[in-house]
Amino acid sequence: MVTAVFKSFKKGYYTFEFENGEDMVFEQVHPKVLSRLKLNENDGLIGTAFKLAYSEIYEDDDDDSVIYRIEQLHIIE
């Protein structure tokens, strides 16, 4: 798991900033994570630090196309 700060949810994409300052955009969030945290509805979580685990999903028809999906997300308290 990596540490990342939730920056935004816009047009179906979730942006997080990692410790090294690099932003990563996620297209999908595991349904259990989404129902628990409601990232797409809760602006109050912007700026919150999380421990995050994600997967890379390669589309069958295009080897260059990758979807990043959040698998686990836990608020750092």
PDB file of N, CA and C in Angstrom:
ATOM      1  N   MET A   1       0.849  -1.185   0.000  1.00  0.00           N
ATOM      2  CA  MET A   1       0.000   0.000   0.000  1.00  0.00           C
ATOM      3  C   MET A   1       0.890   1.242   0.000  1.00  0.00           C
ATOM      4  N   VAL A   2       0.389   2.271  -0.645  1.00  0.00           N
ATOM      5  CA  VAL A   2       1.121   3.525  -0.725  1.00  0.00           C
ATOM      6  C   VAL A   2       0.316   4.613  -0.016  1.00  0.00           C
ATOM      7  N   THR A   3       0.982   5.690   0.345  1.00  0.00           N
ATOM      8  CA  THR A   3       0.308   6.836   0.947  1.00  0.00           C
ATOM      9  C   THR A   3      -0.001   7.843  -0.140  1.00  0.00           C
ATOM     10  N   ALA A   4      -1.251   8.323  -0.148  1.00  0.00           N
ATOM     11  CA  ALA A   4      -1.670   9.288  -1.161  1.00  0.00           C
ATOM     12  C   ALA A   4      -2.741  10.208  -0.578  1.00  0.00           C
ATOM     13  N   VAL A   5      -2.812  11.422  -1.122  1.00  0.00           N
ATOM     14  CA  VAL A   5      -3.810  12.417  -0.687  1.00  0.00           C
ATOM     15  C   VAL A   5      -4.847  12.558  -1.789  1.00  0.00           C
ATOM     16  N   PHE A   6      -6.107  12.490  -1.393  1.00  0.00           N
ATOM     17  CA  PHE A   6      -7.214  12.639  -2.339  1.00  0.00           C
ATOM     18  C   PHE A   6      -7.308  14.096  -2.763  1.00  0.00           C
ATOM     19  N   LYS A   7      -7.207  14.342  -4.073  1.00  0.00           N
ATOM     20  CA  LYS A   7      -7.224  15.717  -4.578  1.00  0.00           C
ATOM     21  C   LYS A   7      -8.563  16.113  -5.194  1.00  0.00           C
ATOM     22  N   SER A   8      -9.182  15.196  -5.963  1.00  0.00           N
ATOM     23  CA  SER A   8     -10.429  15.589  -6.619  1.00  0.00           C
ATOM     24  C   SER A   8     -11.170  14.401  -7.207  1.00  0.00           C
ATOM     25  N   PHE A   9     -12.456  14.644  -7.450  1.00  0.00           N
ATOM     26  CA  PHE A   9     -13.289  13.743  -8.243  1.00  0.00           C
ATOM     27  C   PHE A   9     -13.967  14.604  -9.297  1.00  0.00           C
ATOM     28  N   LYS A  10     -13.601  14.375 -10.555  1.00  0.00           N
ATOM     29  CA  LYS A  10     -14.165  15.161 -11.653  1.00  0.00           C
ATOM     30  C   LYS A  10     -14.456  14.263 -12.832  1.00  0.00           C
ATOM     31  N   LYS A  11     -15.675  14.359 -13.328  1.00  0.00           N
ATOM     32  CA  LYS A  11     -16.096  13.644 -14.541  1.00  0.00           C
ATOM     33  C   LYS A  11     -15.777  12.159 -14.486  1.00  0.00           C
ATOM     34  N   GLY A  12     -15.978  11.553 -13.317  1.00  0.00           N
ATOM     35  CA  GLY A  12     -15.783  10.117 -13.174  1.00  0.00           C
ATOM     36  C   GLY A  12     -14.365   9.668 -12.878  1.00  0.00           C
ATOM     37  N   TYR A  13     -13.451  10.611 -12.664  1.00  0.00           N
ATOM     38  CA  TYR A  13     -12.056  10.279 -12.401  1.00  0.00           C
ATOM     39  C   TYR A  13     -11.645  10.772 -11.013  1.00  0.00           C
ATOM     40  N   TYR A  14     -10.891   9.921 -10.308  1.00  0.00           N
ATOM     41  CA  TYR A  14     -10.428  10.205  -8.948  1.00  0.00           C
ATOM     42  C   TYR A  14      -8.933  10.504  -9.008  1.00  0.00           C
ATOM     43  N   THR A  15      -8.522  11.664  -8.534  1.00  0.00           N
ATOM     44  CA  THR A  15      -7.113  12.047  -8.572  1.00  0.00           C
ATOM     45  C   THR A  15      -6.525  12.015  -7.172  1.00  0.00           C
ATOM     46  N   PHE A  16      -5.375  11.358  -7.057  1.00  0.00           N
ATOM     47  CA  PHE A  16      -4.632  11.270  -5.797  1.00  0.00           C
ATOM     48  C   PHE A  16      -3.209  11.728  -6.045  1.00  0.00           C
ATOM     49  N   GLU A  17      -2.623  12.358  -5.041  1.00  0.00           N
ATOM     50  CA  GLU A  17      -1.215  12.758  -5.111  1.00  0.00           C
ATOM     51  C   GLU A  17      -0.413  11.852  -4.185  1.00  0.00           C
ATOM     52  N   PHE A  18       0.615  11.215  -4.746  1.00  0.00           N
ATOM     53  CA  PHE A  18       1.466  10.332  -3.971  1.00  0.00           C
ATOM     54  C   PHE A  18       2.546  11.108  -3.234  1.00  0.00           C
ATOM     55  N   GLU A  19       3.216  10.426  -2.329  1.00  0.00           N
ATOM     56  CA  GLU A  19       4.245  11.066  -1.487  1.00  0.00           C
ATOM     57  C   GLU A  19       5.349  11.723  -2.302  1.00  0.00           C
ATOM     58  N   ASN A  20       5.627  11.206  -3.483  1.00  0.00           N
ATOM     59  CA  ASN A  20       6.698  11.766  -4.313  1.00  0.00           C
ATOM     60  C   ASN A  20       6.237  12.992  -5.110  1.00  0.00           C
ATOM     61  N   GLY A  21       4.974  13.414  -4.895  1.00  0.00           N
ATOM     62  CA  GLY A  21       4.447  14.591  -5.569  1.00  0.00           C
ATOM     63  C   GLY A  21       3.771  14.298  -6.898  1.00  0.00           C
ATOM     64  N   GLU A  22       3.788  13.066  -7.321  1.00  0.00           N
ATOM     65  CA  GLU A  22       3.189  12.675  -8.591  1.00  0.00           C
ATOM     66  C   GLU A  22       1.692  12.415  -8.428  1.00  0.00           C
ATOM     67  N   ASP A  23       0.904  12.934  -9.371  1.00  0.00           N
ATOM     68  CA  ASP A  23      -0.535  12.685  -9.381  1.00  0.00           C
ATOM     69  C   ASP A  23      -0.836  11.421 -10.164  1.00  0.00           C
ATOM     70  N   MET A  24      -1.866  10.699  -9.719  1.00  0.00           N
ATOM     71  CA  MET A  24      -2.340   9.527 -10.440  1.00  0.00           C
ATOM     72  C   MET A  24      -3.849   9.609 -10.507  1.00  0.00           C
ATOM     73  N   VAL A  25      -4.385   9.297 -11.675  1.00  0.00           N
ATOM     74  CA  VAL A  25      -5.821   9.371 -11.899  1.00  0.00           C
ATOM     75  C   VAL A  25      -6.373   7.952 -11.994  1.00  0.00           C
ATOM     76  N   PHE A  26      -7.407   7.692 -11.215  1.00  0.00           N
ATOM     77  CA  PHE A  26      -8.048   6.385 -11.184  1.00  0.00           C
ATOM     78  C   PHE A  26      -9.419   6.484 -11.833  1.00  0.00           C
ATOM     79  N   GLU A  27      -9.693   5.505 -12.689  1.00  0.00           N
ATOM     80  CA  GLU A  27     -10.959   5.473 -13.403  1.00  0.00           C
ATOM     81  C   GLU A  27     -11.997   4.647 -12.656  1.00  0.00           C
ATOM     82  N   GLN A  28     -11.542   3.697 -11.848  1.00  0.00           N
ATOM     83  CA  GLN A  28     -12.458   2.817 -11.132  1.00  0.00           C
ATOM     84  C   GLN A  28     -12.091   2.727  -9.658  1.00  0.00           C
ATOM     85  N   VAL A  29     -13.114   2.464  -8.848  1.00  0.00           N
ATOM     86  CA  VAL A  29     -12.932   2.225  -7.416  1.00  0.00           C
ATOM     87  C   VAL A  29     -13.734   0.972  -7.075  1.00  0.00           C
ATOM     88  N   HIS A  30     -13.133   0.080  -6.302  1.00  0.00           N
ATOM     89  CA  HIS A  30     -13.838  -1.131  -5.895  1.00  0.00           C
ATOM     90  C   HIS A  30     -15.175  -0.737  -5.272  1.00  0.00           C
ATOM     91  N   PRO A  31     -16.271  -1.405  -5.623  1.00  0.00           N
ATOM     92  CA  PRO A  31     -17.595  -1.023  -5.116  1.00  0.00           C
ATOM     93  C   PRO A  31     -17.704  -0.948  -3.586  1.00  0.00           C
ATOM     94  N   LYS A  32     -17.030  -1.842  -2.876  1.00  0.00           N
ATOM     95  CA  LYS A  32     -17.086  -1.800  -1.404  1.00  0.00           C
ATOM     96  C   LYS A  32     -16.408  -0.543  -0.863  1.00  0.00           C
ATOM     97  N   VAL A  33     -15.306  -0.153  -1.485  1.00  0.00           N
ATOM     98  CA  VAL A  33     -14.601   1.071  -1.078  1.00  0.00           C
ATOM     99  C   VAL A  33     -15.489   2.281  -1.352  1.00  0.00           C
ATOM    100  N   LEU A  34     -16.086   2.300  -2.524  1.00  0.00           N
ATOM    101  CA  LEU A  34     -16.927   3.434  -2.909  1.00  0.00           C
ATOM    102  C   LEU A  34     -18.150   3.560  -2.009  1.00  0.00           C
ATOM    103  N   SER A  35     -18.780   2.437  -1.671  1.00  0.00           N
ATOM    104  CA  SER A  35     -19.969   2.512  -0.810  1.00  0.00           C
ATOM    105  C   SER A  35     -19.608   2.920   0.616  1.00  0.00           C
ATOM    106  N   ARG A  36     -18.407   2.578   1.066  1.00  0.00           N
ATOM    107  CA  ARG A  36     -17.984   2.923   2.425  1.00  0.00           C
ATOM    108  C   ARG A  36     -17.572   4.392   2.534  1.00  0.00           C
ATOM    109  N   LEU A  37     -16.821   4.891   1.560  1.00  0.00           N
ATOM    110  CA  LEU A  37     -16.267   6.238   1.663  1.00  0.00           C
ATOM    111  C   LEU A  37     -17.007   7.284   0.829  1.00  0.00           C
ATOM    112  N   LYS A  38     -17.721   6.845  -0.198  1.00  0.00           N
ATOM    113  CA  LYS A  38     -18.490   7.758  -1.061  1.00  0.00           C
ATOM    114  C   LYS A  38     -17.625   8.904  -1.604  1.00  0.00           C
ATOM    115  N   LEU A  39     -16.478   8.538  -2.156  1.00  0.00           N
ATOM    116  CA  LEU A  39     -15.548   9.534  -2.704  1.00  0.00           C
ATOM    117  C   LEU A  39     -16.196  10.410  -3.765  1.00  0.00           C
ATOM    118  N   ASN A  40     -17.141   9.847  -4.498  1.00  0.00           N
ATOM    119  CA  ASN A  40     -17.787  10.592  -5.577  1.00  0.00           C
ATOM    120  C   ASN A  40     -18.854  11.555  -5.072  1.00  0.00           C
ATOM    121  N   GLU A  41     -19.171  11.514  -3.778  1.00  0.00           N
ATOM    122  CA  GLU A  41     -20.219  12.372  -3.213  1.00  0.00           C
ATOM    123  C   GLU A  41     -19.731  13.255  -2.072  1.00  0.00           C
ATOM    124  N   ASN A  42     -18.547  13.001  -1.549  1.00  0.00           N
ATOM    125  CA  ASN A  42     -18.103  13.625  -0.308  1.00  0.00           C
ATOM    126  C   ASN A  42     -16.884  14.524  -0.537  1.00  0.00           C
ATOM    127  N   ASP A  43     -17.127  15.813  -0.797  1.00  0.00           N
ATOM    128  CA  ASP A  43     -16.017  16.765  -0.972  1.00  0.00           C
ATOM    129  C   ASP A  43     -15.217  16.956   0.313  1.00  0.00           C
ATOM    130  N   GLY A  44     -15.769  16.547   1.444  1.00  0.00           N
ATOM    131  CA  GLY A  44     -15.083  16.689   2.717  1.00  0.00           C
ATOM    132  C   GLY A  44     -13.834  15.827   2.826  1.00  0.00           C
ATOM    133  N   LEU A  45     -13.692  14.850   1.933  1.00  0.00           N
ATOM    134  CA  LEU A  45     -12.511  13.982   1.963  1.00  0.00           C
ATOM    135  C   LEU A  45     -11.349  14.523   1.131  1.00  0.00           C
ATOM    136  N   ILE A  46     -11.578  15.586   0.374  1.00  0.00           N
ATOM    137  CA  ILE A  46     -10.494  16.193  -0.397  1.00  0.00           C
ATOM    138  C   ILE A  46      -9.436  16.724   0.576  1.00  0.00           C
ATOM    139  N   GLY A  47      -8.186  16.380   0.303  1.00  0.00           N
ATOM    140  CA  GLY A  47      -7.090  16.761   1.185  1.00  0.00           C
ATOM    141  C   GLY A  47      -6.783  15.721   2.252  1.00  0.00           C
ATOM    142  N   THR A  48      -7.558  14.643   2.282  1.00  0.00           N
ATOM    143  CA  THR A  48      -7.368  13.577   3.269  1.00  0.00           C
ATOM    144  C   THR A  48      -6.297  12.600   2.787  1.00  0.00           C
ATOM    145  N   ALA A  49      -5.428  12.183   3.711  1.00  0.00           N
ATOM    146  CA  ALA A  49      -4.392  11.199   3.403  1.00  0.00           C
ATOM    147  C   ALA A  49      -4.933   9.789   3.592  1.00  0.00           C
ATOM    148  N   PHE A  50      -4.583   8.917   2.681  1.00  0.00           N
ATOM    149  CA  PHE A  50      -5.042   7.531   2.702  1.00  0.00           C
ATOM    150  C   PHE A  50      -3.878   6.586   2.478  1.00  0.00           C
ATOM    151  N   LYS A  51      -4.057   5.347   2.926  1.00  0.00           N
ATOM    152  CA  LYS A  51      -3.245   4.226   2.476  1.00  0.00           C
ATOM    153  C   LYS A  51      -4.048   3.617   1.339  1.00  0.00           C
ATOM    154  N   LEU A  52      -3.406   3.419   0.201  1.00  0.00           N
ATOM    155  CA  LEU A  52      -4.106   3.054  -1.019  1.00  0.00           C
ATOM    156  C   LEU A  52      -3.434   1.866  -1.689  1.00  0.00           C
ATOM    157  N   ALA A  53      -4.245   0.926  -2.146  1.00  0.00           N
ATOM    158  CA  ALA A  53      -3.765  -0.178  -2.974  1.00  0.00           C
ATOM    159  C   ALA A  53      -4.561  -0.150  -4.269  1.00  0.00           C
ATOM    160  N   TYR A  54      -3.876  -0.366  -5.390  1.00  0.00           N
ATOM    161  CA  TYR A  54      -4.566  -0.293  -6.675  1.00  0.00           C
ATOM    162  C   TYR A  54      -4.083  -1.396  -7.609  1.00  0.00           C
ATOM    163  N   SER A  55      -4.854  -1.599  -8.660  1.00  0.00           N
ATOM    164  CA  SER A  55      -4.479  -2.564  -9.685  1.00  0.00           C
ATOM    165  C   SER A  55      -4.501  -1.882 -11.043  1.00  0.00           C
ATOM    166  N   GLU A  56      -3.782  -2.491 -11.964  1.00  0.00           N
ATOM    167  CA  GLU A  56      -3.750  -2.021 -13.347  1.00  0.00           C
ATOM    168  C   GLU A  56      -4.514  -3.036 -14.182  1.00  0.00           C
ATOM    169  N   ILE A  57      -5.482  -2.574 -14.935  1.00  0.00           N
ATOM    170  CA  ILE A  57      -6.286  -3.456 -15.782  1.00  0.00           C
ATOM    171  C   ILE A  57      -5.973  -3.106 -17.233  1.00  0.00           C
ATOM    172  N   TYR A  58      -5.451  -4.086 -17.951  1.00  0.00           N
ATOM    173  CA  TYR A  58      -5.122  -3.881 -19.364  1.00  0.00           C
ATOM    174  C   TYR A  58      -6.302  -4.341 -20.206  1.00  0.00           C
ATOM    175  N   GLU A  59      -6.738  -3.477 -21.098  1.00  0.00           N
ATOM    176  CA  GLU A  59      -7.862  -3.804 -21.964  1.00  0.00           C
ATOM    177  C   GLU A  59      -7.409  -4.824 -23.003  1.00  0.00           C
ATOM    178  N   ASP A  60      -8.260  -5.801 -23.285  1.00  0.00           N
ATOM    179  CA  ASP A  60      -7.917  -6.895 -24.195  1.00  0.00           C
ATOM    180  C   ASP A  60      -7.568  -6.433 -25.605  1.00  0.00           C
ATOM    181  N   ASP A  61      -8.262  -5.435 -26.099  1.00  0.00           N
ATOM    182  CA  ASP A  61      -8.087  -5.039 -27.488  1.00  0.00           C
ATOM    183  C   ASP A  61      -6.965  -4.031 -27.708  1.00  0.00           C
ATOM    184  N   ASP A  62      -6.375  -3.517 -26.630  1.00  0.00           N
ATOM    185  CA  ASP A  62      -5.344  -2.488 -26.788  1.00  0.00           C
ATOM    186  C   ASP A  62      -4.332  -2.608 -25.654  1.00  0.00           C
ATOM    187  N   ASP A  63      -3.136  -3.084 -25.987  1.00  0.00           N
ATOM    188  CA  ASP A  63      -2.107  -3.288 -24.959  1.00  0.00           C
ATOM    189  C   ASP A  63      -1.644  -1.995 -24.305  1.00  0.00           C
ATOM    190  N   ASP A  64      -1.844  -0.857 -24.963  1.00  0.00           N
ATOM    191  CA  ASP A  64      -1.398   0.423 -24.417  1.00  0.00           C
ATOM    192  C   ASP A  64      -2.424   1.059 -23.488  1.00  0.00           C
ATOM    193  N   SER A  65      -3.631   0.541 -23.478  1.00  0.00           N
ATOM    194  CA  SER A  65      -4.701   1.126 -22.676  1.00  0.00           C
ATOM    195  C   SER A  65      -4.759   0.460 -21.303  1.00  0.00           C
ATOM    196  N   VAL A  66      -4.557   1.279 -20.261  1.00  0.00           N
ATOM    197  CA  VAL A  66      -4.552   0.768 -18.891  1.00  0.00           C
ATOM    198  C   VAL A  66      -5.584   1.542 -18.076  1.00  0.00           C
ATOM    199  N   ILE A  67      -6.361   0.802 -17.298  1.00  0.00           N
ATOM    200  CA  ILE A  67      -7.310   1.410 -16.360  1.00  0.00           C
ATOM    201  C   ILE A  67      -6.744   1.176 -14.970  1.00  0.00           C
ATOM    202  N   TYR A  68      -6.670   2.230 -14.178  1.00  0.00           N
ATOM    203  CA  TYR A  68      -6.216   2.101 -12.792  1.00  0.00           C
ATOM    204  C   TYR A  68      -7.435   2.034 -11.889  1.00  0.00           C
ATOM    205  N   ARG A  69      -7.449   1.017 -11.022  1.00  0.00           N
ATOM    206  CA  ARG A  69      -8.595   0.776 -10.140  1.00  0.00           C
ATOM    207  C   ARG A  69      -8.131   0.743  -8.689  1.00  0.00           C
ATOM    208  N   ILE A  70      -8.797   1.506  -7.836  1.00  0.00           N
ATOM    209  CA  ILE A  70      -8.507   1.479  -6.399  1.00  0.00           C
ATOM    210  C   ILE A  70      -9.130   0.225  -5.812  1.00  0.00           C
ATOM    211  N   GLU A  71      -8.316  -0.593  -5.183  1.00  0.00           N
ATOM    212  CA  GLU A  71      -8.787  -1.847  -4.579  1.00  0.00           C
ATOM    213  C   GLU A  71      -9.030  -1.706  -3.075  1.00  0.00           C
ATOM    214  N   GLN A  72      -8.151  -0.968  -2.401  1.00  0.00           N
ATOM    215  CA  GLN A  72      -8.274  -0.739  -0.962  1.00  0.00           C
ATOM    216  C   GLN A  72      -7.946   0.720  -0.673  1.00  0.00           C
ATOM    217  N   LEU A  73      -8.653   1.283   0.308  1.00  0.00           N
ATOM    218  CA  LEU A  73      -8.439   2.663   0.671  1.00  0.00           C
ATOM    219  C   LEU A  73      -8.776   2.848   2.136  1.00  0.00           C
ATOM    220  N   HIS A  74      -7.798   3.304   2.913  1.00  0.00           N
ATOM    221  CA  HIS A  74      -7.978   3.466   4.356  1.00  0.00           C
ATOM    222  C   HIS A  74      -7.468   4.845   4.777  1.00  0.00           C
ATOM    223  N   ILE A  75      -8.313   5.587   5.487  1.00  0.00           N
ATOM    224  CA  ILE A  75      -7.935   6.910   5.971  1.00  0.00           C
ATOM    225  C   ILE A  75      -6.803   6.769   6.979  1.00  0.00           C
ATOM    226  N   ILE A  76      -5.795   7.633   6.861  1.00  0.00           N
ATOM    227  CA  ILE A  76      -4.709   7.692   7.838  1.00  0.00           C
ATOM    228  C   ILE A  76      -5.132   8.672   8.920  1.00  0.00           C
ATOM    229  N   GLU A  77      -5.165   8.191  10.131  1.00  0.00           N
ATOM    230  CA  GLU A  77      -5.605   9.059  11.240  1.00  0.00           C
ATOM    231  C   GLU A  77      -4.454   9.507  12.094  1.00  0.00           C
TER     232      GLU A  77
END
